[in-house]
Amino acid sequence: MSIKKEGAHRKWAALKEKLGPQDTDQSEANLENAEPELCIRLLQMPSVVNYSGLKKRLESSDDAWMVQFLELCGLDLLLEALDRLSGRGVARISDALLQLTCINCVRAVMNSHRGIEYIVSNEGYVRKLFQALDTTNVMVKKQVFELLAALCIYSSDGHGLALDALDHYKNVKNQQYRFSVIMNELSNTDNVPYMVTLLSAINAIILGKEDLRTRTQIRNEFI
């Protein structure tokens, strides 16, 4: 066991040396063959370079790698970081970029079968994801609503979790309706791609239910 740990420490030291102290000369960390444990350690040093490298590694990972990453709380760390970044108000461009690259990693997790199944099977993750809406960063909010739509279409359980997250957000923000956040965003933006995403999310919420009567009830909530 000690030999294994020493090997991991050597790998980690070599990786840090490759990245350099400030990662100023690279746009992304080279994590092509990195084990989940090393990626978890990188998540404890948030940077655009680290998140960009992790996104690429997540996109190329197999099922076994993704499962291990999730079991090591990789998604938890990403969502916690996203929550902290959202609370900053994104006053600086560097923070906005960090926030965007972080949610890109969450998206990469959800784009995998193991990842989205893990999210649907564990209550609370979608609520945590929705906390990222507390930002002025339109690109981040756009991604959140795109992921919401994907959950609604993926399965009835995913649809239920999306509605639960909307209800929770309504209560936290003392809003009158569970869809207020969507309608408010739609009313307050002139960003056409963002509008399209919001309308797509509305369609996914409505069409995510097979029962026609339920669809009609949900649609009426938007009117």
C-alpha atoms as a PDB file:
ATOM      1  CA  MET A   1       0.000   0.000   0.000  1.00  0.00           C
ATOM      2  CA  SER A   2       2.837   2.401   0.891  1.00  0.00           C
ATOM      3  CA  ILE A   3       4.557   1.658  -2.435  1.00  0.00           C
ATOM      4  CA  LYS A   4       1.326   2.454  -4.250  1.00  0.00           C
ATOM      5  CA  LYS A   5       1.007   5.739  -2.367  1.00  0.00           C
ATOM      6  CA  GLU A   6       4.597   6.647  -3.110  1.00  0.00           C
ATOM      7  CA  GLY A   7       3.962   5.966  -6.779  1.00  0.00           C
ATOM      8  CA  ALA A   8       0.922   8.222  -6.736  1.00  0.00           C
ATOM      9  CA  HIS A   9       2.904  10.972  -5.014  1.00  0.00           C
ATOM     10  CA  ARG A  10       5.635  10.709  -7.646  1.00  0.00           C
ATOM     11  CA  LYS A  11       3.046  10.970 -10.412  1.00  0.00           C
ATOM     12  CA  TRP A  12       1.513  13.986  -8.697  1.00  0.00           C
ATOM     13  CA  ALA A  13       4.891  15.672  -8.283  1.00  0.00           C
ATOM     14  CA  ALA A  14       5.706  15.040 -11.937  1.00  0.00           C
ATOM     15  CA  LEU A  15       2.348  16.444 -12.993  1.00  0.00           C
ATOM     16  CA  LYS A  16       2.799  19.595 -10.913  1.00  0.00           C
ATOM     17  CA  GLU A  17       6.264  20.082 -12.399  1.00  0.00           C
ATOM     18  CA  LYS A  18       4.838  19.723 -15.887  1.00  0.00           C
ATOM     19  CA  LEU A  19       2.060  22.217 -15.183  1.00  0.00           C
ATOM     20  CA  GLY A  20       4.405  24.747 -13.624  1.00  0.00           C
ATOM     21  CA  PRO A  21       3.638  26.931 -10.600  1.00  0.00           C
ATOM     22  CA  GLN A  22       1.216  29.296 -12.291  1.00  0.00           C
ATOM     23  CA  ASP A  23       0.284  27.378 -15.453  1.00  0.00           C
ATOM     24  CA  THR A  24       0.922  30.559 -17.421  1.00  0.00           C
ATOM     25  CA  ASP A  25       2.271  28.899 -20.543  1.00  0.00           C
ATOM     26  CA  GLN A  26      -0.574  26.460 -21.140  1.00  0.00           C
ATOM     27  CA  SER A  27      -4.227  26.850 -21.981  1.00  0.00           C
ATOM     28  CA  GLU A  28      -5.051  23.492 -20.410  1.00  0.00           C
ATOM     29  CA  ALA A  29      -3.404  20.921 -18.181  1.00  0.00           C
ATOM     30  CA  ASN A  30      -2.197  17.786 -19.933  1.00  0.00           C
ATOM     31  CA  LEU A  31      -4.353  15.127 -18.261  1.00  0.00           C
ATOM     32  CA  GLU A  32      -4.655  12.766 -21.205  1.00  0.00           C
ATOM     33  CA  ASN A  33      -3.666   9.691 -19.185  1.00  0.00           C
ATOM     34  CA  ALA A  34      -4.304  11.021 -15.684  1.00  0.00           C
ATOM     35  CA  GLU A  35      -5.927   8.758 -13.124  1.00  0.00           C
ATOM     36  CA  PRO A  36      -9.065   9.984 -11.308  1.00  0.00           C
ATOM     37  CA  GLU A  37      -7.096  10.529  -8.074  1.00  0.00           C
ATOM     38  CA  LEU A  38      -4.813  13.059  -9.746  1.00  0.00           C
ATOM     39  CA  CYS A  39      -7.776  14.884 -11.265  1.00  0.00           C
ATOM     40  CA  ILE A  40      -9.408  15.086  -7.847  1.00  0.00           C
ATOM     41  CA  ARG A  41      -6.275  16.717  -6.468  1.00  0.00           C
ATOM     42  CA  LEU A  42      -6.261  19.212  -9.319  1.00  0.00           C
ATOM     43  CA  LEU A  43      -9.837  20.163  -8.471  1.00  0.00           C
ATOM     44  CA  GLN A  44      -8.530  21.418  -5.146  1.00  0.00           C
ATOM     45  CA  MET A  45      -6.476  23.991  -7.085  1.00  0.00           C
ATOM     46  CA  PRO A  46      -9.162  25.696  -9.218  1.00  0.00           C
ATOM     47  CA  SER A  47      -7.862  27.342 -12.369  1.00  0.00           C
ATOM     48  CA  VAL A  48      -8.917  27.698 -15.990  1.00  0.00           C
ATOM     49  CA  VAL A  49      -5.948  25.547 -16.992  1.00  0.00           C
ATOM     50  CA  ASN A  50      -6.923  22.730 -14.638  1.00  0.00           C
ATOM     51  CA  TYR A  51     -10.615  22.822 -15.509  1.00  0.00           C
ATOM     52  CA  SER A  52      -9.883  22.879 -19.240  1.00  0.00           C
ATOM     53  CA  GLY A  53      -7.598  19.877 -18.943  1.00  0.00           C
ATOM     54  CA  LEU A  54     -10.125  18.040 -16.778  1.00  0.00           C
ATOM     55  CA  LYS A  55     -12.911  18.682 -19.283  1.00  0.00           C
ATOM     56  CA  LYS A  56     -10.854  17.066 -22.025  1.00  0.00           C
ATOM     57  CA  ARG A  57     -10.064  14.086 -19.772  1.00  0.00           C
ATOM     58  CA  LEU A  58     -13.726  13.661 -18.821  1.00  0.00           C
ATOM     59  CA  GLU A  59     -14.781  13.703 -22.462  1.00  0.00           C
ATOM     60  CA  SER A  60     -12.344  10.922 -23.341  1.00  0.00           C
ATOM     61  CA  SER A  61     -12.873   8.773 -20.242  1.00  0.00           C
ATOM     62  CA  ASP A  62     -14.339   5.278 -20.261  1.00  0.00           C
ATOM     63  CA  ASP A  63     -17.086   4.070 -17.923  1.00  0.00           C
ATOM     64  CA  ALA A  64     -14.717   2.667 -15.295  1.00  0.00           C
ATOM     65  CA  TRP A  65     -12.750   5.917 -15.107  1.00  0.00           C
ATOM     66  CA  MET A  66     -15.916   8.005 -14.823  1.00  0.00           C
ATOM     67  CA  VAL A  67     -17.353   5.801 -12.076  1.00  0.00           C
ATOM     68  CA  GLN A  68     -14.161   6.123 -10.049  1.00  0.00           C
ATOM     69  CA  PHE A  69     -14.105   9.903 -10.554  1.00  0.00           C
ATOM     70  CA  LEU A  70     -17.691  10.134  -9.297  1.00  0.00           C
ATOM     71  CA  GLU A  71     -17.057   7.836  -6.339  1.00  0.00           C
ATOM     72  CA  LEU A  72     -14.142  10.072  -5.334  1.00  0.00           C
ATOM     73  CA  CYS A  73     -16.621  12.991  -5.147  1.00  0.00           C
ATOM     74  CA  GLY A  74     -15.391  14.666  -8.325  1.00  0.00           C
ATOM     75  CA  LEU A  75     -18.845  15.985  -9.187  1.00  0.00           C
ATOM     76  CA  ASP A  76     -19.328  17.252  -5.632  1.00  0.00           C
ATOM     77  CA  LEU A  77     -16.105  19.237  -5.859  1.00  0.00           C
ATOM     78  CA  LEU A  78     -17.122  20.748  -9.189  1.00  0.00           C
ATOM     79  CA  LEU A  79     -20.549  21.803  -7.932  1.00  0.00           C
ATOM     80  CA  GLU A  80     -19.112  23.232  -4.714  1.00  0.00           C
ATOM     81  CA  ALA A  81     -16.615  25.267  -6.721  1.00  0.00           C
ATOM     82  CA  LEU A  82     -19.367  26.445  -9.042  1.00  0.00           C
ATOM     83  CA  ASP A  83     -21.433  27.549  -6.045  1.00  0.00           C
ATOM     84  CA  ARG A  84     -18.520  29.522  -4.593  1.00  0.00           C
ATOM     85  CA  LEU A  85     -17.809  31.178  -7.926  1.00  0.00           C
ATOM     86  CA  SER A  86     -21.464  32.130  -8.375  1.00  0.00           C
ATOM     87  CA  GLY A  87     -21.409  33.853  -4.999  1.00  0.00           C
ATOM     88  CA  ARG A  88     -18.615  36.174  -6.117  1.00  0.00           C
ATOM     89  CA  GLY A  89     -20.853  38.054  -8.520  1.00  0.00           C
ATOM     90  CA  VAL A  90     -18.296  37.597 -11.324  1.00  0.00           C
ATOM     91  CA  ALA A  91     -16.919  41.114 -11.169  1.00  0.00           C
ATOM     92  CA  ARG A  92     -13.755  40.091 -13.017  1.00  0.00           C
ATOM     93  CA  ILE A  93     -13.326  38.480 -16.416  1.00  0.00           C
ATOM     94  CA  SER A  94     -11.001  35.909 -14.857  1.00  0.00           C
ATOM     95  CA  ASP A  95     -13.748  34.785 -12.463  1.00  0.00           C
ATOM     96  CA  ALA A  96     -16.275  34.589 -15.294  1.00  0.00           C
ATOM     97  CA  LEU A  97     -13.940  32.400 -17.340  1.00  0.00           C
ATOM     98  CA  LEU A  98     -13.195  30.191 -14.331  1.00  0.00           C
ATOM     99  CA  GLN A  99     -16.913  29.747 -13.726  1.00  0.00           C
ATOM    100  CA  LEU A 100     -17.560  28.870 -17.354  1.00  0.00           C
ATOM    101  CA  THR A 101     -14.774  26.295 -17.558  1.00  0.00           C
ATOM    102  CA  CYS A 102     -16.003  24.742 -14.306  1.00  0.00           C
ATOM    103  CA  ILE A 103     -19.549  24.244 -15.575  1.00  0.00           C
ATOM    104  CA  ASN A 104     -18.104  22.869 -18.816  1.00  0.00           C
ATOM    105  CA  CYS A 105     -16.672  20.066 -16.676  1.00  0.00           C
ATOM    106  CA  VAL A 106     -20.102  19.429 -15.148  1.00  0.00           C
ATOM    107  CA  ARG A 107     -21.512  19.270 -18.648  1.00  0.00           C
ATOM    108  CA  ALA A 108     -18.841  16.749 -19.658  1.00  0.00           C
ATOM    109  CA  VAL A 109     -19.892  14.548 -16.734  1.00  0.00           C
ATOM    110  CA  MET A 110     -23.544  14.763 -17.741  1.00  0.00           C
ATOM    111  CA  ASN A 111     -22.703  13.952 -21.353  1.00  0.00           C
ATOM    112  CA  SER A 112     -21.588  10.498 -20.244  1.00  0.00           C
ATOM    113  CA  HIS A 113     -24.090   7.724 -19.550  1.00  0.00           C
ATOM    114  CA  ARG A 114     -22.508   6.946 -16.184  1.00  0.00           C
ATOM    115  CA  GLY A 115     -22.460  10.604 -15.262  1.00  0.00           C
ATOM    116  CA  ILE A 116     -26.078  11.426 -15.953  1.00  0.00           C
ATOM    117  CA  GLU A 117     -27.231   8.166 -14.335  1.00  0.00           C
ATOM    118  CA  TYR A 118     -25.237   9.077 -11.239  1.00  0.00           C
ATOM    119  CA  ILE A 119     -26.872  12.500 -11.080  1.00  0.00           C
ATOM    120  CA  VAL A 120     -30.374  11.112 -11.561  1.00  0.00           C
ATOM    121  CA  SER A 121     -29.749   8.437  -8.918  1.00  0.00           C
ATOM    122  CA  ASN A 122     -28.530  10.887  -6.269  1.00  0.00           C
ATOM    123  CA  GLU A 123     -30.971  13.526  -5.092  1.00  0.00           C
ATOM    124  CA  GLY A 124     -29.553  16.964  -4.485  1.00  0.00           C
ATOM    125  CA  TYR A 125     -27.129  17.327  -7.368  1.00  0.00           C
ATOM    126  CA  VAL A 126     -29.612  19.129  -9.599  1.00  0.00           C
ATOM    127  CA  ARG A 127     -30.471  21.519  -6.774  1.00  0.00           C
ATOM    128  CA  LYS A 128     -26.766  22.252  -6.364  1.00  0.00           C
ATOM    129  CA  LEU A 129     -26.447  22.850 -10.091  1.00  0.00           C
ATOM    130  CA  PHE A 130     -29.272  25.387  -9.973  1.00  0.00           C
ATOM    131  CA  GLN A 131     -27.380  27.434  -7.401  1.00  0.00           C
ATOM    132  CA  ALA A 132     -25.128  28.452 -10.288  1.00  0.00           C
ATOM    133  CA  LEU A 133     -27.976  30.658 -11.524  1.00  0.00           C
ATOM    134  CA  ASP A 134     -26.964  33.194  -8.875  1.00  0.00           C
ATOM    135  CA  THR A 135     -24.622  34.889 -11.303  1.00  0.00           C
ATOM    136  CA  THR A 136     -24.576  37.650 -13.884  1.00  0.00           C
ATOM    137  CA  ASN A 137     -22.698  35.366 -16.270  1.00  0.00           C
ATOM    138  CA  VAL A 138     -25.190  34.672 -19.061  1.00  0.00           C
ATOM    139  CA  MET A 139     -23.033  31.938 -20.583  1.00  0.00           C
ATOM    140  CA  VAL A 140     -23.109  30.002 -17.313  1.00  0.00           C
ATOM    141  CA  LYS A 141     -26.868  30.421 -16.908  1.00  0.00           C
ATOM    142  CA  LYS A 142     -27.317  29.299 -20.502  1.00  0.00           C
ATOM    143  CA  GLN A 143     -25.438  26.095 -19.739  1.00  0.00           C
ATOM    144  CA  VAL A 144     -27.526  25.461 -16.614  1.00  0.00           C
ATOM    145  CA  PHE A 145     -30.761  25.683 -18.596  1.00  0.00           C
ATOM    146  CA  GLU A 146     -29.343  23.484 -21.343  1.00  0.00           C
ATOM    147  CA  LEU A 147     -28.538  20.839 -18.733  1.00  0.00           C
ATOM    148  CA  LEU A 148     -32.019  21.265 -17.263  1.00  0.00           C
ATOM    149  CA  ALA A 149     -33.533  20.551 -20.667  1.00  0.00           C
ATOM    150  CA  ALA A 150     -31.316  17.496 -21.094  1.00  0.00           C
ATOM    151  CA  LEU A 151     -32.499  16.090 -17.757  1.00  0.00           C
ATOM    152  CA  CYS A 152     -36.141  16.620 -18.687  1.00  0.00           C
ATOM    153  CA  ILE A 153     -35.705  14.724 -21.935  1.00  0.00           C
ATOM    154  CA  TYR A 154     -33.460  11.992 -20.513  1.00  0.00           C
ATOM    155  CA  SER A 155     -36.003  10.277 -18.272  1.00  0.00           C
ATOM    156  CA  SER A 156     -39.069  10.787 -16.105  1.00  0.00           C
ATOM    157  CA  ASP A 157     -36.791  10.735 -13.052  1.00  0.00           C
ATOM    158  CA  GLY A 158     -34.617  13.425 -14.605  1.00  0.00           C
ATOM    159  CA  HIS A 159     -37.723  15.469 -15.355  1.00  0.00           C
ATOM    160  CA  GLY A 160     -38.861  15.110 -11.766  1.00  0.00           C
ATOM    161  CA  LEU A 161     -35.494  16.245 -10.425  1.00  0.00           C
ATOM    162  CA  ALA A 162     -35.538  19.269 -12.717  1.00  0.00           C
ATOM    163  CA  LEU A 163     -38.969  20.294 -11.434  1.00  0.00           C
ATOM    164  CA  ASP A 164     -37.835  19.682  -7.861  1.00  0.00           C
ATOM    165  CA  ALA A 165     -34.840  21.967  -8.413  1.00  0.00           C
ATOM    166  CA  LEU A 166     -37.111  24.671  -9.815  1.00  0.00           C
ATOM    167  CA  ASP A 167     -39.404  24.368  -6.786  1.00  0.00           C
ATOM    168  CA  HIS A 168     -36.428  24.539  -4.442  1.00  0.00           C
ATOM    169  CA  TYR A 169     -35.016  27.592  -6.204  1.00  0.00           C
ATOM    170  CA  LYS A 170     -38.423  29.277  -5.996  1.00  0.00           C
ATOM    171  CA  ASN A 171     -38.550  28.738  -2.229  1.00  0.00           C
ATOM    172  CA  VAL A 172     -34.973  29.872  -1.639  1.00  0.00           C
ATOM    173  CA  LYS A 173     -35.530  33.047  -3.659  1.00  0.00           C
ATOM    174  CA  ASN A 174     -39.057  33.662  -2.323  1.00  0.00           C
ATOM    175  CA  GLN A 175     -40.507  33.701  -5.812  1.00  0.00           C
ATOM    176  CA  GLN A 176     -44.198  33.205  -6.458  1.00  0.00           C
ATOM    177  CA  TYR A 177     -44.021  30.499  -9.120  1.00  0.00           C
ATOM    178  CA  ARG A 178     -41.594  27.660  -9.776  1.00  0.00           C
ATOM    179  CA  PHE A 179     -41.052  28.842 -13.348  1.00  0.00           C
ATOM    180  CA  SER A 180     -40.499  32.483 -12.366  1.00  0.00           C
ATOM    181  CA  VAL A 181     -36.740  32.181 -12.801  1.00  0.00           C
ATOM    182  CA  ILE A 182     -37.164  31.087 -16.420  1.00  0.00           C
ATOM    183  CA  MET A 183     -39.755  33.718 -17.288  1.00  0.00           C
ATOM    184  CA  ASN A 184     -37.776  36.478 -15.566  1.00  0.00           C
ATOM    185  CA  GLU A 185     -34.645  35.555 -17.499  1.00  0.00           C
ATOM    186  CA  LEU A 186     -36.638  35.492 -20.725  1.00  0.00           C
ATOM    187  CA  SER A 187     -38.088  38.939 -20.031  1.00  0.00           C
ATOM    188  CA  ASN A 188     -34.805  40.534 -19.036  1.00  0.00           C
ATOM    189  CA  THR A 189     -32.500  39.399 -21.832  1.00  0.00           C
ATOM    190  CA  ASP A 190     -31.913  40.546 -25.389  1.00  0.00           C
ATOM    191  CA  ASN A 191     -29.345  37.795 -25.989  1.00  0.00           C
ATOM    192  CA  VAL A 192     -30.894  35.747 -28.794  1.00  0.00           C
ATOM    193  CA  PRO A 193     -28.981  32.481 -28.209  1.00  0.00           C
ATOM    194  CA  TYR A 194     -29.920  32.680 -24.528  1.00  0.00           C
ATOM    195  CA  MET A 195     -33.566  33.254 -25.456  1.00  0.00           C
ATOM    196  CA  VAL A 196     -33.487  30.166 -27.673  1.00  0.00           C
ATOM    197  CA  THR A 197     -32.057  28.110 -24.813  1.00  0.00           C
ATOM    198  CA  LEU A 198     -34.752  29.331 -22.423  1.00  0.00           C
ATOM    199  CA  LEU A 199     -37.509  28.504 -24.906  1.00  0.00           C
ATOM    200  CA  SER A 200     -35.972  25.080 -25.478  1.00  0.00           C
ATOM    201  CA  ALA A 201     -35.961  24.509 -21.717  1.00  0.00           C
ATOM    202  CA  ILE A 202     -39.645  25.426 -21.553  1.00  0.00           C
ATOM    203  CA  ASN A 203     -40.442  22.964 -24.346  1.00  0.00           C
ATOM    204  CA  ALA A 204     -38.436  20.230 -22.619  1.00  0.00           C
ATOM    205  CA  ILE A 205     -40.266  20.807 -19.335  1.00  0.00           C
ATOM    206  CA  ILE A 206     -43.640  20.569 -21.068  1.00  0.00           C
ATOM    207  CA  LEU A 207     -42.836  17.672 -23.401  1.00  0.00           C
ATOM    208  CA  GLY A 208     -40.963  15.739 -20.735  1.00  0.00           C
ATOM    209  CA  LYS A 209     -44.285  14.438 -19.457  1.00  0.00           C
ATOM    210  CA  GLU A 210     -46.046  11.825 -21.568  1.00  0.00           C
ATOM    211  CA  ASP A 211     -49.467  12.422 -20.070  1.00  0.00           C
ATOM    212  CA  LEU A 212     -51.311  15.036 -22.128  1.00  0.00           C
ATOM    213  CA  ARG A 213     -53.244  16.403 -19.162  1.00  0.00           C
ATOM    214  CA  THR A 214     -50.053  16.964 -17.175  1.00  0.00           C
ATOM    215  CA  ARG A 215     -48.447  18.637 -20.174  1.00  0.00           C
ATOM    216  CA  THR A 216     -51.378  21.012 -20.398  1.00  0.00           C
ATOM    217  CA  GLN A 217     -51.174  21.827 -16.695  1.00  0.00           C
ATOM    218  CA  ILE A 218     -47.468  22.597 -16.937  1.00  0.00           C
ATOM    219  CA  ARG A 219     -47.945  24.662 -20.088  1.00  0.00           C
ATOM    220  CA  ASN A 220     -50.627  26.715 -18.352  1.00  0.00           C
ATOM    221  CA  GLU A 221     -48.152  27.588 -15.599  1.00  0.00           C
ATOM    222  CA  PHE A 222     -46.070  29.394 -18.197  1.00  0.00           C
ATOM    223  CA  ILE A 223     -48.986  31.467 -19.466  1.00  0.00           C
END
